[in-house]
């Protein structure tokens, strides 16, 4: 099996972002401070973003196993600073499995 065949079975980054955002919306009310929920809700249409970033080296200490970059993706959800176009107010860092047969998600919330 060629290496490219392995990647066809994994979720695309777009699908990972969509899944992450759905999970985030479902859990944000119970996991963020009320002020952050209000801020995110008020600002998301103009400044909100969900993006895949390089997987942080700290994930193994949070999840208790080695994290393979090709099988997992880190998604950050937050607000973009319009001055520098960077996602700088991060409400959640999420580690999501790209393997559709191995559903896994771990979230580090802003207040944690």
N, C-alpha and C. Protein backbone atom coordinates (compact mmCIF):
# COMPACT_ATOMS: atom_id res chain seq x y z
N UNK A 1 0.84 -1.17 0.00
CA UNK A 1 0.00 0.00 0.00
C UNK A 1 0.89 1.24 0.00
N UNK A 2 0.61 2.16 -0.89
CA UNK A 2 1.39 3.39 -0.95
C UNK A 2 1.00 4.30 0.19
N UNK A 3 1.92 5.20 0.54
CA UNK A 3 1.67 6.14 1.63
C UNK A 3 0.43 6.99 1.35
N UNK A 4 0.21 7.37 0.11
CA UNK A 4 -0.96 8.20 -0.22
C UNK A 4 -2.27 7.45 0.03
N UNK A 5 -2.25 6.12 -0.07
CA UNK A 5 -3.45 5.34 0.21
C UNK A 5 -3.86 5.43 1.68
N UNK A 6 -2.87 5.54 2.57
CA UNK A 6 -3.17 5.66 3.99
C UNK A 6 -3.92 6.96 4.27
N UNK A 7 -3.53 8.04 3.60
CA UNK A 7 -4.11 9.34 3.88
C UNK A 7 -5.51 9.50 3.30
N UNK A 8 -5.89 8.70 2.31
CA UNK A 8 -7.22 8.84 1.76
C UNK A 8 -8.29 8.42 2.78
N UNK A 9 -7.92 7.56 3.72
CA UNK A 9 -8.89 7.10 4.72
C UNK A 9 -9.06 8.11 5.85
N UNK A 10 -8.15 9.07 6.00
CA UNK A 10 -8.23 10.04 7.08
C UNK A 10 -9.18 11.17 6.73
N UNK A 11 -9.77 11.76 7.76
CA UNK A 11 -10.63 12.92 7.55
C UNK A 11 -9.79 14.08 7.01
N UNK A 12 -10.37 14.86 6.13
CA UNK A 12 -9.68 16.05 5.62
C UNK A 12 -9.60 17.08 6.74
N UNK A 13 -8.70 18.05 6.59
CA UNK A 13 -8.60 19.11 7.59
C UNK A 13 -9.90 19.92 7.66
N UNK A 14 -10.56 20.10 6.53
CA UNK A 14 -11.85 20.81 6.54
C UNK A 14 -12.89 20.05 7.38
N UNK A 15 -12.92 18.73 7.22
CA UNK A 15 -13.85 17.91 8.01
C UNK A 15 -13.49 17.95 9.50
N UNK A 16 -12.20 17.97 9.81
CA UNK A 16 -11.75 18.04 11.20
C UNK A 16 -12.18 19.38 11.80
N UNK A 17 -12.00 20.47 11.06
CA UNK A 17 -12.41 21.79 11.55
C UNK A 17 -13.92 21.82 11.79
N UNK A 18 -14.69 21.27 10.87
CA UNK A 18 -16.15 21.25 11.02
C UNK A 18 -16.56 20.45 12.26
N UNK A 19 -15.94 19.28 12.45
CA UNK A 19 -16.26 18.46 13.62
C UNK A 19 -15.85 19.19 14.91
N UNK A 20 -14.68 19.81 14.89
CA UNK A 20 -14.20 20.53 16.07
C UNK A 20 -15.15 21.67 16.43
N UNK A 21 -15.58 22.40 15.43
CA UNK A 21 -16.47 23.53 15.69
C UNK A 21 -17.81 23.06 16.25
N UNK A 22 -18.34 21.96 15.71
CA UNK A 22 -19.60 21.41 16.23
C UNK A 22 -19.46 21.01 17.70
N UNK A 23 -18.35 20.34 18.03
CA UNK A 23 -18.09 19.91 19.41
C UNK A 23 -17.94 21.15 20.31
N UNK A 24 -17.18 22.12 19.81
CA UNK A 24 -16.96 23.36 20.56
C UNK A 24 -18.30 24.03 20.91
N UNK A 25 -19.17 24.19 19.91
CA UNK A 25 -20.45 24.84 20.14
C UNK A 25 -21.30 24.08 21.15
N UNK A 26 -21.22 22.76 21.09
CA UNK A 26 -22.01 21.92 21.98
C UNK A 26 -21.54 22.06 23.44
N UNK A 27 -20.24 22.26 23.64
CA UNK A 27 -19.68 22.23 24.98
C UNK A 27 -19.29 23.60 25.55
N UNK A 28 -19.23 24.63 24.72
CA UNK A 28 -18.71 25.93 25.16
C UNK A 28 -19.49 26.52 26.34
N UNK A 29 -20.80 26.43 26.30
CA UNK A 29 -21.64 27.01 27.34
C UNK A 29 -21.25 26.48 28.72
N UNK A 30 -20.93 25.20 28.81
CA UNK A 30 -20.61 24.57 30.09
C UNK A 30 -19.12 24.63 30.42
N UNK A 31 -18.28 25.00 29.45
CA UNK A 31 -16.83 24.88 29.64
C UNK A 31 -16.08 26.20 29.67
N UNK A 32 -16.73 27.27 29.26
CA UNK A 32 -16.10 28.59 29.27
C UNK A 32 -16.76 29.47 30.33
N UNK A 33 -16.04 30.50 30.73
CA UNK A 33 -16.63 31.49 31.63
C UNK A 33 -17.78 32.17 30.89
N UNK A 34 -18.85 32.56 31.59
CA UNK A 34 -19.97 33.24 30.93
C UNK A 34 -19.56 34.46 30.11
N UNK A 35 -18.60 35.23 30.60
CA UNK A 35 -18.15 36.42 29.85
C UNK A 35 -17.50 36.03 28.53
N UNK A 36 -16.77 34.91 28.53
CA UNK A 36 -16.14 34.45 27.29
C UNK A 36 -17.17 33.94 26.30
N UNK A 37 -18.22 33.28 26.79
CA UNK A 37 -19.29 32.82 25.91
C UNK A 37 -19.96 34.02 25.24
N UNK A 38 -20.23 35.07 26.03
CA UNK A 38 -20.84 36.28 25.47
C UNK A 38 -19.93 36.94 24.45
N UNK A 39 -18.64 37.06 24.79
CA UNK A 39 -17.68 37.68 23.89
C UNK A 39 -17.59 36.90 22.58
N UNK A 40 -17.45 35.59 22.68
CA UNK A 40 -17.32 34.76 21.48
C UNK A 40 -18.57 34.88 20.62
N UNK A 41 -19.75 34.80 21.25
CA UNK A 41 -21.01 34.88 20.51
C UNK A 41 -21.15 36.23 19.81
N UNK A 42 -20.79 37.29 20.50
CA UNK A 42 -20.94 38.63 19.94
C UNK A 42 -19.94 38.91 18.82
N UNK A 43 -18.75 38.35 18.92
CA UNK A 43 -17.67 38.69 18.00
C UNK A 43 -17.42 37.66 16.90
N UNK A 44 -18.01 36.46 17.01
CA UNK A 44 -17.62 35.39 16.10
C UNK A 44 -17.88 35.72 14.63
N UNK A 45 -19.01 36.32 14.32
CA UNK A 45 -19.32 36.61 12.91
C UNK A 45 -18.26 37.49 12.27
N UNK A 46 -17.71 38.43 13.02
CA UNK A 46 -16.72 39.35 12.47
C UNK A 46 -15.29 38.86 12.62
N UNK A 47 -14.98 38.22 13.76
CA UNK A 47 -13.58 37.91 14.06
C UNK A 47 -13.31 36.45 14.38
N UNK A 48 -14.34 35.62 14.36
CA UNK A 48 -14.16 34.23 14.77
C UNK A 48 -13.41 33.39 13.75
N UNK A 49 -12.69 32.40 14.27
CA UNK A 49 -11.95 31.50 13.39
C UNK A 49 -11.75 30.15 14.06
N UNK A 50 -11.67 29.15 13.22
CA UNK A 50 -11.28 27.80 13.65
C UNK A 50 -10.25 27.35 12.63
N UNK A 51 -9.05 27.00 13.13
CA UNK A 51 -8.00 26.65 12.18
C UNK A 51 -7.16 25.50 12.70
N UNK A 52 -6.65 24.71 11.76
CA UNK A 52 -5.71 23.65 12.08
C UNK A 52 -4.34 24.29 12.20
N UNK A 53 -3.64 23.96 13.28
CA UNK A 53 -2.30 24.47 13.50
C UNK A 53 -1.35 23.29 13.71
N UNK A 54 -0.06 23.58 13.75
CA UNK A 54 0.91 22.52 14.03
C UNK A 54 0.59 21.93 15.40
N UNK A 55 0.58 20.60 15.48
CA UNK A 55 0.21 19.92 16.72
C UNK A 55 1.22 20.25 17.81
N UNK A 56 0.73 20.75 18.93
CA UNK A 56 1.60 21.15 20.04
C UNK A 56 2.33 19.97 20.66
N UNK A 57 3.55 20.23 21.09
CA UNK A 57 4.37 19.18 21.71
C UNK A 57 3.86 18.79 23.10
N UNK A 58 2.95 19.57 23.67
CA UNK A 58 2.45 19.29 25.01
C UNK A 58 1.29 18.30 25.05
N UNK A 59 0.76 17.92 23.89
CA UNK A 59 -0.41 17.03 23.91
C UNK A 59 -0.17 15.69 24.61
N UNK A 60 0.97 15.02 24.43
CA UNK A 60 1.13 13.73 25.12
C UNK A 60 0.95 13.83 26.64
N UNK A 61 1.36 14.95 27.25
CA UNK A 61 1.17 15.07 28.70
C UNK A 61 -0.29 15.28 29.07
N UNK A 62 -1.08 15.80 28.15
CA UNK A 62 -2.51 16.01 28.42
C UNK A 62 -3.34 14.75 28.16
N UNK A 63 -2.95 13.96 27.15
CA UNK A 63 -3.77 12.79 26.77
C UNK A 63 -3.19 11.46 27.22
N UNK A 64 -1.90 11.44 27.59
CA UNK A 64 -1.31 10.22 28.13
C UNK A 64 -0.83 9.21 27.10
N UNK A 65 -0.67 9.64 25.85
CA UNK A 65 -0.13 8.75 24.82
C UNK A 65 0.59 9.59 23.77
N UNK A 66 1.52 8.95 23.01
CA UNK A 66 2.21 9.70 21.95
C UNK A 66 1.21 10.11 20.86
N UNK A 67 1.35 11.34 20.39
CA UNK A 67 0.44 11.88 19.39
C UNK A 67 1.14 11.92 18.04
N UNK A 68 0.60 11.16 17.08
CA UNK A 68 1.18 11.14 15.74
C UNK A 68 0.57 12.26 14.91
N UNK A 69 1.44 13.12 14.35
CA UNK A 69 0.97 14.29 13.61
C UNK A 69 0.09 13.95 12.42
N UNK A 70 0.33 12.81 11.77
CA UNK A 70 -0.48 12.51 10.58
C UNK A 70 -1.86 11.95 10.93
N UNK A 71 -2.02 11.41 12.14
CA UNK A 71 -3.29 10.81 12.54
C UNK A 71 -4.15 11.77 13.36
N UNK A 72 -3.52 12.75 13.98
CA UNK A 72 -4.24 13.72 14.82
C UNK A 72 -4.03 15.13 14.28
N UNK A 73 -4.98 15.99 14.57
CA UNK A 73 -4.86 17.40 14.18
C UNK A 73 -5.22 18.25 15.39
N UNK A 74 -4.50 19.37 15.53
CA UNK A 74 -4.86 20.34 16.55
C UNK A 74 -5.64 21.46 15.89
N UNK A 75 -6.81 21.76 16.46
CA UNK A 75 -7.64 22.85 15.98
C UNK A 75 -7.74 23.88 17.09
N UNK A 76 -7.54 25.13 16.73
CA UNK A 76 -7.72 26.23 17.69
C UNK A 76 -8.94 27.03 17.26
N UNK A 77 -9.76 27.38 18.24
CA UNK A 77 -10.97 28.16 17.98
C UNK A 77 -10.90 29.41 18.84
N UNK A 78 -11.11 30.55 18.20
CA UNK A 78 -11.06 31.79 18.94
C UNK A 78 -11.36 32.99 18.07
N UNK A 79 -10.81 34.13 18.48
CA UNK A 79 -11.04 35.39 17.78
C UNK A 79 -9.73 35.90 17.19
N UNK A 80 -9.82 36.45 15.99
CA UNK A 80 -8.66 36.97 15.27
C UNK A 80 -8.45 38.44 15.65
N UNK A 81 -7.20 38.79 15.90
CA UNK A 81 -6.82 40.19 16.12
C UNK A 81 -6.75 40.84 14.75
N UNK A 82 -7.62 41.81 14.51
CA UNK A 82 -7.70 42.40 13.17
C UNK A 82 -6.45 43.18 12.80
N UNK A 83 -5.68 43.64 13.79
CA UNK A 83 -4.47 44.42 13.51
C UNK A 83 -3.39 43.57 12.85
N UNK A 84 -3.23 42.32 13.32
CA UNK A 84 -2.17 41.46 12.76
C UNK A 84 -2.71 40.20 12.09
N UNK A 85 -4.04 40.06 12.02
CA UNK A 85 -4.69 38.93 11.38
C UNK A 85 -4.27 37.58 11.99
N UNK A 86 -4.02 37.58 13.30
CA UNK A 86 -3.63 36.34 13.98
C UNK A 86 -4.70 35.95 14.99
N UNK A 87 -4.86 34.65 15.15
CA UNK A 87 -5.79 34.11 16.14
C UNK A 87 -5.11 34.25 17.50
N UNK A 88 -5.50 35.28 18.27
CA UNK A 88 -4.77 35.50 19.51
C UNK A 88 -5.63 35.38 20.77
N UNK A 89 -6.94 35.33 20.64
CA UNK A 89 -7.81 35.10 21.79
C UNK A 89 -8.39 33.69 21.60
N UNK A 90 -7.70 32.71 22.16
CA UNK A 90 -8.04 31.30 21.91
C UNK A 90 -8.95 30.79 23.02
N UNK A 91 -10.13 30.32 22.62
CA UNK A 91 -11.11 29.80 23.57
C UNK A 91 -10.96 28.30 23.78
N UNK A 92 -10.44 27.59 22.77
CA UNK A 92 -10.25 26.15 22.91
C UNK A 92 -9.14 25.67 21.99
N UNK A 93 -8.30 24.79 22.54
CA UNK A 93 -7.35 24.02 21.74
C UNK A 93 -7.89 22.59 21.74
N UNK A 94 -8.03 22.01 20.56
CA UNK A 94 -8.64 20.70 20.47
C UNK A 94 -7.73 19.74 19.72
N UNK A 95 -7.57 18.56 20.26
CA UNK A 95 -6.84 17.49 19.57
C UNK A 95 -7.89 16.50 19.08
N UNK A 96 -7.91 16.30 17.77
CA UNK A 96 -8.93 15.44 17.17
C UNK A 96 -8.27 14.38 16.30
N UNK A 97 -8.77 13.16 16.42
CA UNK A 97 -8.29 12.08 15.56
C UNK A 97 -8.84 12.27 14.16
N UNK A 98 -7.98 12.09 13.17
CA UNK A 98 -8.42 12.18 11.78
C UNK A 98 -8.88 10.81 11.26
N UNK A 99 -8.75 9.78 12.10
CA UNK A 99 -9.15 8.43 11.73
C UNK A 99 -10.65 8.27 12.03
N UNK A 100 -11.48 8.12 10.99
CA UNK A 100 -12.93 8.03 11.22
C UNK A 100 -13.34 6.81 12.03
N UNK A 101 -12.48 5.79 12.11
CA UNK A 101 -12.80 4.60 12.89
C UNK A 101 -12.36 4.71 14.34
N UNK A 102 -11.60 5.77 14.67
CA UNK A 102 -11.08 5.96 16.02
C UNK A 102 -11.43 7.37 16.47
N UNK A 103 -12.71 7.58 16.80
CA UNK A 103 -13.15 8.92 17.18
C UNK A 103 -12.52 9.31 18.51
N UNK A 104 -11.85 10.46 18.53
CA UNK A 104 -11.19 10.94 19.73
C UNK A 104 -11.12 12.45 19.67
N UNK A 105 -11.41 13.09 20.80
CA UNK A 105 -11.28 14.54 20.90
C UNK A 105 -10.93 14.89 22.33
N UNK A 106 -9.91 15.72 22.50
CA UNK A 106 -9.55 16.23 23.83
C UNK A 106 -9.46 17.74 23.71
N UNK A 107 -10.07 18.45 24.67
CA UNK A 107 -10.15 19.90 24.58
C UNK A 107 -9.47 20.55 25.78
N UNK A 108 -8.65 21.55 25.50
CA UNK A 108 -8.10 22.41 26.55
C UNK A 108 -8.83 23.75 26.42
N UNK A 109 -9.62 24.07 27.41
CA UNK A 109 -10.44 25.28 27.39
C UNK A 109 -9.67 26.48 27.88
N UNK A 110 -10.09 27.65 27.52
CA UNK A 110 -9.42 28.90 27.87
C UNK A 110 -9.21 29.02 29.38
N UNK A 111 -10.19 28.63 30.16
CA UNK A 111 -10.07 28.84 31.62
C UNK A 111 -9.25 27.77 32.31
N UNK A 112 -8.90 26.69 31.62
CA UNK A 112 -8.15 25.59 32.26
C UNK A 112 -6.70 25.96 32.52
